[in-house]
Protein backbone atom coordinates (compact mmCIF):
# COMPACT_ATOMS: atom_id res chain seq x y z
CA MET A 1 156.89 -39.58 4.58
CA ARG A 2 158.68 -37.34 6.98
CA ARG A 3 155.54 -36.25 8.56
CA GLN A 4 154.67 -39.81 9.28
CA PHE A 5 157.79 -40.64 10.69
CA TRP A 6 157.79 -37.52 13.27
CA ARG A 7 154.14 -39.01 14.10
CA PHE A 8 155.76 -42.29 14.80
CA LYS A 9 158.56 -40.75 16.94
CA LEU A 10 155.76 -38.88 18.92
CA ALA A 11 153.88 -42.18 19.27
CA VAL A 12 156.52 -44.43 20.45
CA PRO A 13 157.82 -42.47 23.76
CA PHE A 14 154.16 -42.37 24.69
CA LEU A 15 153.71 -46.00 24.51
CA ARG A 16 156.98 -46.71 26.46
CA ALA A 17 157.02 -43.73 29.20
CA GLU A 18 153.31 -42.85 29.42
CA LYS A 19 152.01 -46.16 30.06
CA GLU A 20 152.52 -46.48 33.76
CA GLN A 21 151.69 -42.70 34.21
CA LEU A 22 148.46 -43.14 32.46
CA VAL A 23 147.39 -46.13 34.67
CA LEU A 24 148.54 -44.10 37.55
CA CYS A 25 146.62 -40.89 36.88
CA ILE A 26 143.55 -42.96 36.25
CA LEU A 27 143.95 -44.66 39.43
CA ILE A 28 144.61 -41.44 41.26
CA GLN A 29 141.39 -40.04 39.68
CA LEU A 30 139.54 -42.88 40.58
CA LEU A 31 140.57 -42.70 44.14
CA ILE A 32 139.83 -39.13 44.48
CA THR A 33 136.35 -39.73 42.95
CA PHE A 34 135.72 -42.50 45.28
CA ALA A 35 136.64 -40.44 48.21
CA ARG A 36 134.16 -37.83 47.44
CA MET A 37 131.15 -40.41 47.00
CA THR A 38 128.53 -41.58 49.63
CA PRO A 39 129.53 -44.70 51.31
CA ASP A 40 126.27 -46.44 50.32
CA LYS A 41 126.56 -45.76 46.67
CA ARG A 42 130.07 -45.65 45.50
CA LEU A 43 130.11 -48.58 43.58
CA ASN A 44 126.93 -47.58 41.77
CA GLN A 45 128.09 -43.92 41.39
CA LEU A 46 131.72 -45.52 40.02
CA GLU A 47 130.49 -47.58 37.33
CA PRO A 48 129.64 -44.57 34.69
CA ILE A 49 133.17 -43.01 35.68
CA VAL A 50 135.13 -46.49 34.98
CA ALA A 51 133.06 -46.69 31.57
CA ASP A 52 134.04 -43.32 30.78
CA VAL A 53 137.54 -43.75 31.52
CA LEU A 54 137.62 -47.19 29.39
CA GLN A 55 135.84 -45.07 26.38
CA LYS A 56 138.71 -42.74 26.63
CA VAL A 57 141.63 -45.32 26.66
CA ASP A 58 139.67 -47.04 23.88
CA ARG A 59 139.74 -43.99 21.73
CA LEU A 60 143.44 -43.29 22.86
CA ILE A 61 144.22 -46.82 21.79
CA GLU A 62 142.42 -46.38 18.51
CA GLY A 63 144.03 -43.19 17.99
CA ASN A 64 147.40 -44.90 18.29
CA GLY A 65 146.51 -47.71 16.18
CA GLN A 66 145.74 -45.16 13.42
CA ILE A 67 149.01 -43.75 14.01
CA ILE A 68 150.55 -47.22 13.95
CA ASN A 69 148.82 -47.97 10.57
CA GLU A 70 150.22 -44.85 9.17
CA VAL A 71 153.71 -45.60 10.79
CA SER A 72 153.39 -49.25 9.31
CA LYS A 73 153.54 -47.86 5.71
CA ILE A 74 157.24 -46.73 6.40
CA PRO A 75 159.54 -49.31 5.09
CA GLY A 76 161.76 -50.89 7.43
CA ILE A 77 159.75 -50.31 10.62
CA GLU A 78 157.62 -53.31 10.79
CA LYS A 79 159.18 -54.86 13.80
CA LYS A 80 158.93 -51.53 15.70
CA VAL A 81 155.26 -51.35 14.72
CA ASN A 82 154.92 -54.95 16.16
CA VAL A 83 156.50 -53.99 19.40
CA ILE A 84 154.27 -50.59 19.42
CA ALA A 85 151.31 -52.95 18.78
CA THR A 86 152.18 -55.24 21.48
CA GLY A 87 152.71 -52.27 24.05
CA LEU A 88 148.95 -51.31 23.13
CA ALA A 89 147.74 -54.64 23.73
CA GLU A 90 149.82 -54.77 26.98
CA LEU A 91 148.51 -51.31 27.87
CA THR A 92 144.68 -52.60 27.23
CA ILE A 93 145.36 -55.63 29.46
CA ASP A 94 146.87 -53.60 32.25
CA VAL A 95 144.38 -50.98 32.02
CA GLN A 96 141.63 -53.61 32.41
CA GLU A 97 143.51 -55.63 35.13
CA GLY A 98 143.83 -52.24 36.80
CA PHE A 99 140.09 -51.57 36.63
CA ALA A 100 139.39 -55.22 37.69
CA ASN A 101 141.64 -54.50 40.56
CA ILE A 102 140.14 -51.39 41.29
CA ARG A 103 136.71 -52.74 41.19
CA GLN A 104 137.74 -55.64 43.68
CA GLU A 105 139.54 -53.04 46.03
CA ILE A 106 136.15 -51.03 46.01
CA SER A 107 134.06 -53.89 46.42
CA GLN A 108 136.25 -54.93 49.51
CA VAL A 109 135.94 -51.37 50.64
CA ASP A 110 132.30 -51.27 50.39
CA ASP A 111 132.10 -54.73 52.00
CA LYS A 112 134.16 -53.31 55.05
CA ILE A 113 132.07 -50.02 54.99
CA SER A 114 129.07 -52.29 54.80
CA ARG A 115 130.26 -54.01 57.87
CA VAL A 116 131.24 -51.21 59.51
CA ASP A 117 128.19 -49.77 58.91
CA GLU A 118 126.12 -52.53 59.92
CA ASN A 119 128.30 -52.48 63.36
CA ILE A 120 127.51 -48.91 63.60
CA ARG A 121 123.85 -49.40 62.97
CA GLN A 122 123.71 -52.44 65.70
CA GLU A 123 125.60 -50.23 68.11
CA ILE A 124 123.24 -47.48 67.59
CA SER A 125 120.43 -50.19 68.17
CA LYS A 126 121.80 -51.23 71.18
CA VAL A 127 122.27 -47.46 72.41
CA ASP A 128 118.72 -46.97 71.27
CA ASN A 129 117.44 -49.94 73.00
CA LYS A 130 119.36 -48.99 76.45
CA ILE A 131 117.94 -45.52 75.91
CA SER A 132 114.43 -46.84 75.43
CA ARG A 133 114.79 -49.09 78.56
CA VAL A 134 116.44 -45.94 80.63
CA ASP A 135 113.60 -43.97 79.41
CA GLU A 136 110.87 -46.64 80.18
CA ASN A 137 112.62 -46.91 83.64
CA ILE A 138 112.54 -43.29 84.15
CA ARG A 139 108.97 -43.28 82.93
CA GLN A 140 108.06 -46.14 85.45
CA GLU A 141 109.94 -44.46 88.33
CA LEU A 142 108.10 -41.28 87.48
CA SER A 143 104.87 -43.12 87.54
CA ARG A 144 105.76 -44.65 90.84
CA VAL A 145 106.61 -41.16 92.11
CA ASP A 146 103.39 -39.79 91.08
CA ASP A 147 101.51 -42.52 92.24
CA LYS A 148 103.11 -42.01 95.77
CA ILE A 149 102.61 -38.19 95.50
CA SER A 150 98.81 -38.90 94.69
CA ARG A 151 98.64 -41.08 97.86
CA VAL A 152 100.55 -38.82 99.89
CA ASP A 153 98.45 -36.21 98.75
CA GLU A 154 94.95 -37.82 99.15
CA SER A 155 96.28 -38.84 102.84
CA ILE A 156 96.80 -35.25 103.36
CA ARG A 157 93.56 -34.33 101.95
CA GLN A 158 91.77 -36.80 103.90
CA GLU A 159 93.86 -35.51 107.04
CA ILE A 160 92.79 -32.07 106.15
CA SER A 161 89.32 -33.07 105.81
CA ARG A 162 89.35 -34.71 109.32
CA VAL A 163 90.99 -31.88 110.95
CA ASP A 164 88.35 -29.47 109.18
CA ASP A 165 85.55 -31.94 110.70
CA LYS A 166 86.94 -31.98 113.94
CA ILE A 167 87.42 -28.00 113.76
CA SER A 168 83.68 -27.80 112.51
CA ARG A 169 82.77 -30.13 115.50
CA ILE A 170 84.62 -27.98 117.94
CA ASP A 171 83.38 -24.72 116.66
CA GLU A 172 79.92 -26.04 116.83
CA ASN A 173 80.38 -27.33 120.22
CA ILE A 174 81.71 -23.80 121.04
CA ARG A 175 78.80 -22.05 119.46
CA GLU A 176 76.36 -24.30 121.28
CA GLU A 177 78.19 -23.69 124.44
CA ILE A 178 78.03 -20.05 124.09
CA SER A 179 74.29 -20.46 123.27
CA ARG A 180 73.84 -22.53 126.22
CA VAL A 181 75.77 -19.59 128.22
CA ASP A 182 73.94 -16.99 126.40
CA ASP A 183 70.77 -18.72 127.48
CA LYS A 184 71.76 -18.92 131.27
CA ILE A 185 72.80 -15.47 131.11
CA SER A 186 69.50 -14.43 129.71
CA ARG A 187 67.93 -16.64 132.30
CA VAL A 188 70.12 -15.15 135.08
CA ASP A 189 69.48 -11.83 133.89
CA GLU A 190 65.69 -12.11 133.70
CA ASN A 191 65.77 -13.39 137.43
CA ILE A 192 67.85 -10.76 138.40
CA ARG A 193 65.64 -8.32 136.56
CA GLN A 194 62.44 -10.17 138.51
CA GLU A 195 64.10 -10.03 141.84
CA ILE A 196 65.18 -6.68 141.09
CA SER A 197 61.35 -5.79 140.26
CA ARG A 198 60.24 -7.56 143.52
CA VAL A 199 62.71 -5.71 145.55
CA ASP A 200 61.56 -2.71 144.16
CA ASN A 201 58.11 -3.40 144.79
CA ASN A 202 59.00 -4.83 148.54
CA ILE A 203 60.90 -1.45 148.83
CA SER A 204 58.01 0.57 147.54
CA ARG A 205 55.89 -1.26 149.97
CA VAL A 206 57.95 -0.80 152.88
CA ASP A 207 58.54 2.70 152.04
CA GLU A 208 54.70 3.03 152.02
CA ASN A 209 54.33 1.29 155.08
CA ILE A 210 56.95 3.51 156.59
CA ARG A 211 55.31 6.61 155.24
CA GLN A 212 52.03 5.29 156.82
CA GLU A 213 53.77 4.64 160.28
CA ILE A 214 55.45 7.94 160.17
CA SER A 215 52.16 9.55 159.57
CA LYS A 216 50.46 7.64 162.33
CA VAL A 217 53.68 8.72 164.56
CA ASP A 218 53.16 12.36 163.24
CA GLY A 219 49.41 12.10 164.29
CA LYS A 220 50.31 10.61 167.87
CA VAL A 221 53.00 13.47 168.27
CA ASP A 222 50.36 16.30 167.60
CA ASP A 223 47.66 14.45 169.71
CA LEU A 224 50.60 14.21 172.64
CA ARG A 225 51.74 17.73 172.00
CA PHE A 226 48.11 19.29 171.98
CA GLU A 227 47.31 17.27 175.07
CA MET A 228 50.90 18.58 176.80
CA ASN A 229 49.76 21.93 175.85
CA GLN A 230 46.40 21.61 177.42
CA ARG A 231 47.98 20.22 180.63
CA PHE A 232 50.40 22.80 180.63
CA ASP A 233 47.74 25.40 180.24
CA GLN A 234 45.80 23.88 183.18
CA LEU A 235 48.88 23.87 185.10
CA VAL A 236 49.74 27.42 184.72
CA THR A 237 46.00 28.45 185.21
CA LEU A 238 46.19 26.19 188.63
CA ILE A 239 49.47 27.85 189.85
CA GLN A 240 48.10 31.53 189.15
CA GLY A 241 44.81 30.22 191.21
CA ARG A 242 47.03 29.36 194.21
CA LEU A 243 49.37 32.71 194.00
CA LYS A 244 46.03 34.80 194.32
């Protein structure tokens, strides 16, 4: 009997003082667990924890009920047992209401998180769309720049081709002109050579004529000298004849 009385004395302070602390500890544990969960799965992850806590509370209430049953056997404390039973019932109702409120708060938080997540997704989608449009504009601008560069490059290539054609024609004209000059020089050289050959031939003929004329003059001089010698001899002979 004394042991049952001490069990009753231990159970009564728990029901009176620990009622609010139990609910508070459960709420703190749920909030800590809730904070560690991922936003998109908090409600689903919280259900097993809530069920486990409810089982623990049920076991606690069941244990206290057994204590009350034992204590109820003690004479004269039926009213206190009724008070304890009422406290247990109120504790059960408070715990259930607390869990209902927690679930409602969690649902509201999940709704807010869902709306925030949806807003974030919409903003991200808008940013992605803006980035896509900017990227498309950049690609179009790059394409236009590439087209301009291609056209400029083609124009430059065409201009270079025209310049090359002009240079080729000028080079060909120069080569043709050089060839004509070479032909003229060759013809002039040939004419000069022919003229020199004619002059050489003329000089040779003139030299031969001069030689022939000199030979004729030499013959005449010899004849004249011979004749002068003869006349001189005749003159000497004549003078000598008169002197005698």
